[in-house]
Amino acid sequence: MQKVTIIGLDLAKNIFQAHGARRDGSVAFRKKISRAKLLSFFASIPKCVVAMEACASAHHWGRHIGALGHEVRLIAPIYVKPFVKRNKNDAADAEAIAEAASRPTMRFVAVKSVEKQAAGMAFKTRDLLVRQRTQTINAIRGHMAEYGVVAPNGPVHIKRLVEALQDPDSGLPESIHGVCELLLRHIALLSEKIGLLEREIRERTRRDELAKRLMEIPGVGEICAVAMEALAPPPESFSKGRDFAAWLGLTPRQNSSGGKTRLGGTSKMGQRDLRRLLVCGAMTVVRWAARKGAPEGSWLEQMMKRKPRLVVAVALANRTARIAWALMMTGERYRASKAISA
C-alpha cells in the first residue's frame, strides 16, 4: 500500500472494485470492497489519487473521499472506454479508470458541491415535469382528434379541448368524458407543480448575484441562468470561452485528415439541457430581430442576411456561451456594445 500512487475505483451499488497502481504503472493490488467498508478503506491508506467515472453517485463519493485527504479525479466514461483492454468487467473497468487518470492530457470533471447538486436537481425536476405535461397534452390531443376535435400544440390551447368536452353539441361520446377529465386534472396538477418550482428558481435568481449578471445577456432568462450556474463546470476549468462553447457542443464536429479540414454539424457534446436552453434563448432573440430588426451594422444583422435563422441561432448560442464564461470568470457585468458590434 505504501507505494500506491493512484487508485481506479469502479463505482457500484454494493460491491466496488478498486485497482491500485504504482508510479511506474505496475499493479499494486486488485480489491473488492463493500459499500459499508469503502470509506474506512480509504481512511486507512496513505494519501493518493483516487479516480472514478463521472456518474450518478460519483460526486457524493468524491466529496467524502476528498475529505479524507485524497486527490479525487472524475473522468467522463467516454474517455475511459478506450483503455478497457478486453472482456468488460469490474476489474477491467477499474484498471482502465486508473490508466486513463494517469494520462497527463486527460480531462477531468470537477466534483460538485451539495448546493450545486441541489440547484441542478430543482432544474432537472422541473424539466421532467414539463416533459410529462407535454406527453399528457399530446395524448389528450390525439384522443380528441380521433373524434374530430383538433387543437394546436401548446398548453395554452387546452381550453379549446375543455370547451369541446363541455359542449353538449360536440358529438363526443359520454364514455370518453371520464378519461379526458382525468388527463386534464393531471395536466393541471403538473402545471401547479411546475409553477412552484419556477417560483423557487426565481427566488434563487433574486438572491444570486451571478444569476442576475447572466440574465443581462440577451436570450438568457431565469431558468437558463440557474441551469448554467448549477450544471456547468467551474469557469476555471476552461482556458477561454471558446473551450466552454466546445464543451457545450456548440462547435462544429471535425472529421479532418491529411491536412484537410472537414467540418460538420454541431458536436452536441457536453450538457445537452444547457445547450438546449441556450439555443432556445438564442432563437427567441433571432425571432425578435426578424420582427423588429437587428441593430444596424451589428453581428446579428450581418449573420441574418447570409444564413438561415436556425444556423444564426446556434451561432448566437455559441456567442452567448462565450460571453457567459467571460462574466463568470471575470465577475464583470454584461456590456451590450460588445455583443452587438460587428
Protein backbone atom coordinates (compact mmCIF):
# COMPACT_ATOMS: atom_id res chain seq x y z
CA MET A 1 0.00 0.00 0.00
CA GLN A 2 2.90 2.38 0.67
CA LYS A 3 3.84 2.54 -3.00
CA VAL A 4 0.35 3.08 -4.43
CA THR A 5 0.07 6.42 -6.26
CA ILE A 6 -3.29 6.06 -7.99
CA ILE A 7 -6.42 4.00 -7.37
CA GLY A 8 -9.06 3.40 -10.00
CA LEU A 9 -12.45 2.89 -8.35
CA ASP A 10 -15.32 1.32 -10.28
CA LEU A 11 -18.49 2.50 -8.56
CA ALA A 12 -21.49 0.27 -7.97
CA LYS A 13 -24.48 -0.12 -5.66
CA ASN A 14 -23.00 -2.56 -3.16
CA ILE A 15 -19.65 -4.04 -4.26
CA PHE A 16 -16.93 -1.67 -5.50
CA GLN A 17 -13.82 -2.71 -7.42
CA ALA A 18 -10.52 -0.93 -6.66
CA HIS A 19 -7.36 -1.12 -8.76
CA GLY A 20 -4.17 0.24 -7.19
CA ALA A 21 -1.24 1.18 -9.40
CA ARG A 22 2.31 2.22 -8.57
CA ARG A 23 4.17 5.17 -10.03
CA ASP A 24 5.56 3.05 -12.90
CA GLY A 25 2.07 1.78 -13.76
CA SER A 26 2.51 -1.72 -12.34
CA VAL A 27 -0.33 -3.33 -10.40
CA ALA A 28 -0.18 -2.89 -6.62
CA PHE A 29 -3.49 -4.57 -5.78
CA ARG A 30 -6.91 -5.52 -7.08
CA LYS A 31 -9.57 -5.50 -4.40
CA LYS A 32 -13.34 -5.81 -3.99
CA ILE A 33 -14.77 -3.54 -1.30
CA SER A 34 -18.29 -3.49 0.13
CA ARG A 35 -20.21 -0.25 0.34
CA ALA A 36 -20.07 -0.22 4.16
CA LYS A 37 -16.28 -0.55 4.22
CA LEU A 38 -15.38 1.81 1.37
CA LEU A 39 -14.66 4.96 3.41
CA SER A 40 -12.83 3.05 6.14
CA PHE A 41 -10.61 1.53 3.45
CA PHE A 42 -9.61 4.92 2.06
CA ALA A 43 -9.13 6.29 5.58
CA SER A 44 -6.60 3.52 6.30
CA ILE A 45 -4.32 4.03 3.27
CA PRO A 46 -1.79 6.81 2.54
CA LYS A 47 -2.96 9.81 0.55
CA CYS A 48 -3.04 9.18 -3.19
CA VAL A 49 -5.02 9.95 -6.37
CA VAL A 50 -8.46 8.31 -6.47
CA ALA A 51 -10.05 8.22 -9.93
CA MET A 52 -13.68 7.41 -10.72
CA GLU A 53 -16.01 7.65 -13.68
CA ALA A 54 -18.30 10.69 -13.54
CA CYS A 55 -21.66 9.01 -12.91
CA ALA A 56 -24.72 9.48 -10.69
CA SER A 57 -23.01 8.83 -7.33
CA ALA A 58 -19.50 9.98 -8.25
CA HIS A 59 -19.86 13.47 -6.74
CA HIS A 60 -21.15 12.02 -3.45
CA TRP A 61 -18.20 9.65 -3.09
CA GLY A 62 -15.81 12.27 -4.44
CA ARG A 63 -16.74 14.67 -1.63
CA HIS A 64 -16.35 12.03 1.09
CA ILE A 65 -13.11 10.56 -0.24
CA GLY A 66 -11.69 14.05 -0.84
CA ALA A 67 -12.48 14.94 2.78
CA LEU A 68 -10.10 12.13 3.82
CA GLY A 69 -7.22 13.94 2.10
CA HIS A 70 -7.09 12.07 -1.19
CA GLU A 71 -6.99 13.82 -4.58
CA VAL A 72 -10.19 12.92 -6.42
CA ARG A 73 -10.33 12.84 -10.21
CA LEU A 74 -13.58 12.25 -12.08
CA ILE A 75 -13.40 11.19 -15.71
CA ALA A 76 -16.15 11.13 -18.32
CA PRO A 77 -16.95 7.47 -19.18
CA ILE A 78 -16.35 8.12 -22.89
CA TYR A 79 -12.68 8.85 -22.10
CA VAL A 80 -12.29 5.64 -20.05
CA LYS A 81 -13.71 3.24 -22.62
CA PRO A 82 -10.62 3.23 -24.94
CA PHE A 83 -8.49 1.95 -22.05
CA VAL A 84 -10.63 -1.16 -21.42
CA LYS A 85 -8.47 -3.93 -22.89
CA ARG A 86 -10.90 -6.80 -23.40
CA ASN A 87 -13.93 -8.53 -21.87
CA LYS A 88 -15.57 -5.75 -19.90
CA ASN A 89 -15.90 -6.50 -16.18
CA ASP A 90 -15.49 -4.58 -12.92
CA ALA A 91 -11.77 -5.35 -12.59
CA ALA A 92 -11.06 -4.30 -16.18
CA ASP A 93 -13.09 -1.13 -15.70
CA ALA A 94 -11.21 -0.18 -12.52
CA GLU A 95 -7.87 -0.76 -14.26
CA ALA A 96 -8.98 1.33 -17.24
CA ILE A 97 -10.03 4.17 -14.91
CA ALA A 98 -6.61 4.17 -13.23
CA GLU A 99 -4.85 4.09 -16.59
CA ALA A 100 -6.95 6.92 -18.03
CA ALA A 101 -6.48 9.10 -14.94
CA SER A 102 -2.70 8.75 -15.17
CA ARG A 103 -2.57 10.32 -18.64
CA PRO A 104 -1.11 13.86 -18.46
CA THR A 105 -3.52 15.24 -21.09
CA MET A 106 -6.69 13.70 -19.63
CA ARG A 107 -9.66 16.00 -18.97
CA PHE A 108 -11.37 15.72 -15.61
CA VAL A 109 -14.80 16.63 -14.23
CA ALA A 110 -14.93 18.90 -11.19
CA VAL A 111 -16.56 17.47 -8.06
CA LYS A 112 -19.82 19.32 -7.40
CA SER A 113 -20.77 20.73 -4.01
CA VAL A 114 -24.02 19.73 -2.29
CA GLU A 115 -25.52 23.17 -3.02
CA LYS A 116 -24.72 22.96 -6.72
CA GLN A 117 -26.20 19.49 -6.98
CA ALA A 118 -29.36 20.66 -5.21
CA ALA A 119 -29.76 23.55 -7.66
CA GLY A 120 -29.33 21.16 -10.56
CA MET A 121 -31.92 18.80 -9.08
CA ALA A 122 -34.56 21.56 -8.96
CA PHE A 123 -33.94 22.37 -12.62
CA LYS A 124 -33.99 18.71 -13.74
CA THR A 125 -37.18 18.02 -11.77
CA ARG A 126 -38.89 20.94 -13.49
CA ASP A 127 -37.65 19.67 -16.85
CA LEU A 128 -39.06 16.21 -16.08
CA LEU A 129 -42.48 17.62 -15.14
CA VAL A 130 -42.56 19.77 -18.30
CA ARG A 131 -41.90 16.68 -20.41
CA GLN A 132 -44.64 14.75 -18.62
CA ARG A 133 -47.08 17.61 -19.16
CA THR A 134 -46.20 17.75 -22.85
CA GLN A 135 -46.72 13.98 -23.18
CA THR A 136 -50.12 14.22 -21.46
CA ILE A 137 -51.20 17.16 -23.63
CA ASN A 138 -50.19 15.28 -26.77
CA ALA A 139 -52.10 12.22 -25.53
CA ILE A 140 -55.37 14.08 -24.98
CA ARG A 141 -54.95 15.98 -28.27
CA GLY A 142 -54.51 12.67 -30.08
CA HIS A 143 -57.53 11.08 -28.41
CA MET A 144 -59.76 14.09 -29.11
CA ALA A 145 -58.56 14.29 -32.72
CA GLU A 146 -59.98 10.80 -33.28
CA TYR A 147 -63.42 12.32 -32.65
CA GLY A 148 -62.88 15.36 -34.85
CA VAL A 149 -61.81 17.85 -32.15
CA VAL A 150 -58.49 19.44 -33.14
CA ALA A 151 -56.38 21.87 -31.09
CA PRO A 152 -52.98 23.44 -31.87
CA ASN A 153 -49.81 22.49 -29.99
CA GLY A 154 -49.05 24.00 -26.60
CA PRO A 155 -50.65 24.16 -23.15
CA VAL A 156 -52.38 27.48 -23.91
CA HIS A 157 -54.75 25.70 -26.32
CA ILE A 158 -56.04 23.20 -23.76
CA LYS A 159 -59.04 25.48 -23.24
CA ARG A 160 -60.31 24.51 -26.68
CA LEU A 161 -60.41 20.86 -25.64
CA VAL A 162 -62.11 21.72 -22.35
CA GLU A 163 -64.78 23.72 -24.20
CA ALA A 164 -65.38 20.80 -26.57
CA LEU A 165 -65.87 18.42 -23.63
CA GLN A 166 -68.34 20.80 -22.00
CA ASP A 167 -70.24 21.45 -25.21
CA PRO A 168 -73.29 19.11 -25.41
CA ASP A 169 -73.40 19.60 -29.21
CA SER A 170 -69.80 18.48 -29.81
CA GLY A 171 -70.87 14.94 -30.58
CA LEU A 172 -68.34 13.38 -28.20
CA PRO A 173 -69.46 10.05 -26.70
CA GLU A 174 -70.16 10.08 -22.97
CA SER A 175 -67.73 7.22 -22.39
CA ILE A 176 -64.61 9.35 -23.10
CA HIS A 177 -65.50 12.22 -20.78
CA GLY A 178 -64.16 10.49 -17.67
CA VAL A 179 -60.82 9.60 -19.26
CA CYS A 180 -60.32 13.07 -20.75
CA GLU A 181 -61.20 14.77 -17.48
CA LEU A 182 -58.65 12.55 -15.73
CA LEU A 183 -55.96 13.67 -18.19
CA LEU A 184 -56.97 17.33 -17.80
CA ARG A 185 -56.72 17.09 -14.00
CA HIS A 186 -53.27 15.53 -14.39
CA ILE A 187 -52.19 18.41 -16.66
CA ALA A 188 -53.48 20.96 -14.12
CA LEU A 189 -51.60 19.19 -11.31
CA LEU A 190 -48.37 19.13 -13.32
CA SER A 191 -48.77 22.83 -14.18
CA GLU A 192 -49.19 23.63 -10.49
CA LYS A 193 -46.01 21.74 -9.56
CA ILE A 194 -44.09 23.37 -12.41
CA GLY A 195 -45.24 26.78 -11.16
CA LEU A 196 -43.97 26.00 -7.64
CA LEU A 197 -40.53 25.01 -8.96
CA GLU A 198 -40.36 28.08 -11.19
CA ARG A 199 -41.13 30.31 -8.22
CA GLU A 200 -38.34 28.61 -6.30
CA ILE A 201 -35.96 29.21 -9.21
CA ARG A 202 -36.99 32.87 -9.42
CA GLU A 203 -36.35 33.28 -5.71
CA ARG A 204 -32.89 31.80 -6.17
CA THR A 205 -32.10 34.21 -9.00
CA ARG A 206 -33.10 37.18 -6.84
CA ARG A 207 -30.60 36.10 -4.17
CA ASP A 208 -27.80 35.08 -6.54
CA GLU A 209 -25.60 37.86 -7.89
CA LEU A 210 -24.09 35.68 -10.63
CA ALA A 211 -27.53 34.67 -11.94
CA LYS A 212 -28.54 38.34 -12.08
CA ARG A 213 -25.47 39.19 -14.16
CA LEU A 214 -26.06 36.25 -16.51
CA MET A 215 -29.67 37.32 -17.07
CA GLU A 216 -28.44 40.61 -18.51
CA ILE A 217 -27.27 38.70 -21.61
CA PRO A 218 -29.94 38.69 -24.37
CA GLY A 219 -31.50 35.25 -24.61
CA VAL A 220 -30.61 34.18 -21.05
CA GLY A 221 -33.59 34.00 -18.71
CA GLU A 222 -34.10 32.83 -15.16
CA ILE A 223 -34.18 29.11 -16.00
CA CYS A 224 -31.10 29.31 -18.23
CA ALA A 225 -29.14 31.37 -15.67
CA VAL A 226 -29.83 28.89 -12.86
CA ALA A 227 -29.08 25.93 -15.12
CA MET A 228 -25.79 27.46 -16.25
CA GLU A 229 -24.68 28.03 -12.68
CA ALA A 230 -25.83 24.59 -11.49
CA LEU A 231 -24.87 22.35 -14.42
CA ALA A 232 -21.77 23.98 -15.88
CA PRO A 233 -18.30 23.18 -14.51
CA PRO A 234 -16.32 25.94 -12.75
CA PRO A 235 -15.21 28.54 -15.32
CA GLU A 236 -11.59 27.94 -14.26
CA SER A 237 -11.87 24.53 -15.93
CA PHE A 238 -11.61 26.25 -19.33
CA SER A 239 -8.79 28.42 -20.60
CA LYS A 240 -11.09 30.52 -22.80
CA GLY A 241 -14.73 30.98 -23.72
CA ARG A 242 -14.30 29.01 -26.94
CA ASP A 243 -13.45 25.90 -24.88
CA PHE A 244 -16.63 26.37 -22.84
CA ALA A 245 -18.70 26.60 -26.03
CA ALA A 246 -16.97 23.49 -27.35
CA TRP A 247 -17.76 21.64 -24.10
CA LEU A 248 -21.43 22.54 -24.61
CA GLY A 249 -21.37 21.03 -28.09
CA LEU A 250 -21.96 24.31 -29.90
CA THR A 251 -18.94 24.00 -32.20
CA PRO A 252 -18.67 22.03 -35.49
CA ARG A 253 -17.80 18.35 -35.43
CA GLN A 254 -14.46 17.67 -37.12
CA ASN A 255 -13.52 14.80 -39.43
CA SER A 256 -10.22 16.19 -40.68
CA SER A 257 -7.34 14.17 -42.12
CA GLY A 258 -4.30 14.66 -44.32
CA GLY A 259 -4.16 18.38 -43.64
CA LYS A 260 -7.69 18.89 -44.96
CA THR A 261 -10.19 20.44 -42.57
CA ARG A 262 -13.68 18.94 -42.78
CA LEU A 263 -16.33 20.46 -40.52
CA GLY A 264 -19.80 19.04 -39.99
CA GLY A 265 -22.76 19.87 -37.78
CA THR A 266 -22.51 20.80 -34.12
CA SER A 267 -20.80 18.15 -32.00
CA LYS A 268 -23.64 18.07 -29.40
CA MET A 269 -21.21 17.07 -26.67
CA GLY A 270 -21.40 18.21 -23.06
CA GLN A 271 -24.55 19.12 -21.11
CA ARG A 272 -27.50 18.77 -23.50
CA ASP A 273 -30.05 20.53 -21.25
CA LEU A 274 -27.90 23.65 -21.01
CA ARG A 275 -27.20 23.57 -24.74
CA ARG A 276 -30.93 23.30 -25.47
CA LEU A 277 -31.72 26.29 -23.25
CA LEU A 278 -29.04 28.42 -24.90
CA VAL A 279 -30.26 27.55 -28.40
CA CYS A 280 -33.92 28.22 -27.44
CA GLY A 281 -32.95 31.57 -25.91
CA ALA A 282 -30.91 32.47 -28.98
CA MET A 283 -33.84 31.53 -31.24
CA THR A 284 -36.03 33.95 -29.27
CA VAL A 285 -33.53 36.74 -29.93
CA VAL A 286 -33.40 35.84 -33.63
CA ARG A 287 -37.21 35.89 -33.93
CA TRP A 288 -37.37 39.24 -32.17
CA ALA A 289 -34.72 40.62 -34.54
CA ALA A 290 -36.64 39.28 -37.55
CA ARG A 291 -39.76 41.20 -36.46
CA LYS A 292 -38.24 44.37 -35.02
CA GLY A 293 -34.94 44.44 -36.90
CA ALA A 294 -31.45 43.80 -35.57
CA PRO A 295 -29.26 46.79 -34.62
CA GLU A 296 -27.81 48.34 -37.76
CA GLY A 297 -24.30 47.13 -38.55
CA SER A 298 -24.35 44.52 -35.78
CA TRP A 299 -23.02 40.99 -35.99
CA LEU A 300 -26.57 39.66 -35.73
CA GLU A 301 -27.80 41.76 -38.66
CA GLN A 302 -24.93 40.60 -40.88
CA MET A 303 -25.50 36.95 -39.97
CA MET A 304 -29.24 37.12 -40.65
CA LYS A 305 -28.59 38.47 -44.13
CA ARG A 306 -26.40 35.48 -45.03
CA LYS A 307 -27.61 32.46 -43.03
CA PRO A 308 -30.87 30.66 -42.19
CA ARG A 309 -32.45 31.51 -38.85
CA LEU A 310 -31.61 28.21 -37.11
CA VAL A 311 -27.96 28.46 -38.14
CA VAL A 312 -27.88 32.01 -36.79
CA ALA A 313 -29.48 30.83 -33.54
CA VAL A 314 -26.81 28.16 -32.98
CA ALA A 315 -24.06 30.66 -33.77
CA LEU A 316 -25.64 33.15 -31.37
CA ALA A 317 -25.89 30.44 -28.67
CA ASN A 318 -22.15 29.84 -29.15
CA ARG A 319 -21.53 33.55 -28.76
CA THR A 320 -23.78 33.70 -25.67
CA ALA A 321 -21.89 30.82 -24.07
CA ARG A 322 -18.56 32.60 -24.56
CA ILE A 323 -19.96 35.82 -23.09
CA ALA A 324 -21.39 33.90 -20.12
CA TRP A 325 -18.00 32.28 -19.49
CA ALA A 326 -16.33 35.70 -19.50
CA LEU A 327 -18.86 37.05 -16.98
CA MET A 328 -18.43 34.03 -14.70
CA MET A 329 -14.65 34.19 -14.97
CA THR A 330 -14.08 37.92 -14.50
CA GLY A 331 -17.07 38.94 -12.38
CA GLU A 332 -17.87 41.81 -14.77
CA ARG A 333 -21.32 42.88 -15.97
CA TYR A 334 -22.67 42.45 -19.48
CA ARG A 335 -21.98 45.31 -21.90
CA ALA A 336 -24.31 45.34 -24.88
CA SER A 337 -21.92 47.22 -27.17
CA LYS A 338 -19.52 44.29 -27.27
CA ALA A 339 -22.23 41.74 -28.03
CA ILE A 340 -23.87 43.56 -30.94
CA SER A 341 -20.91 45.17 -32.64
CA ALA A 342 -19.59 43.67 -35.84
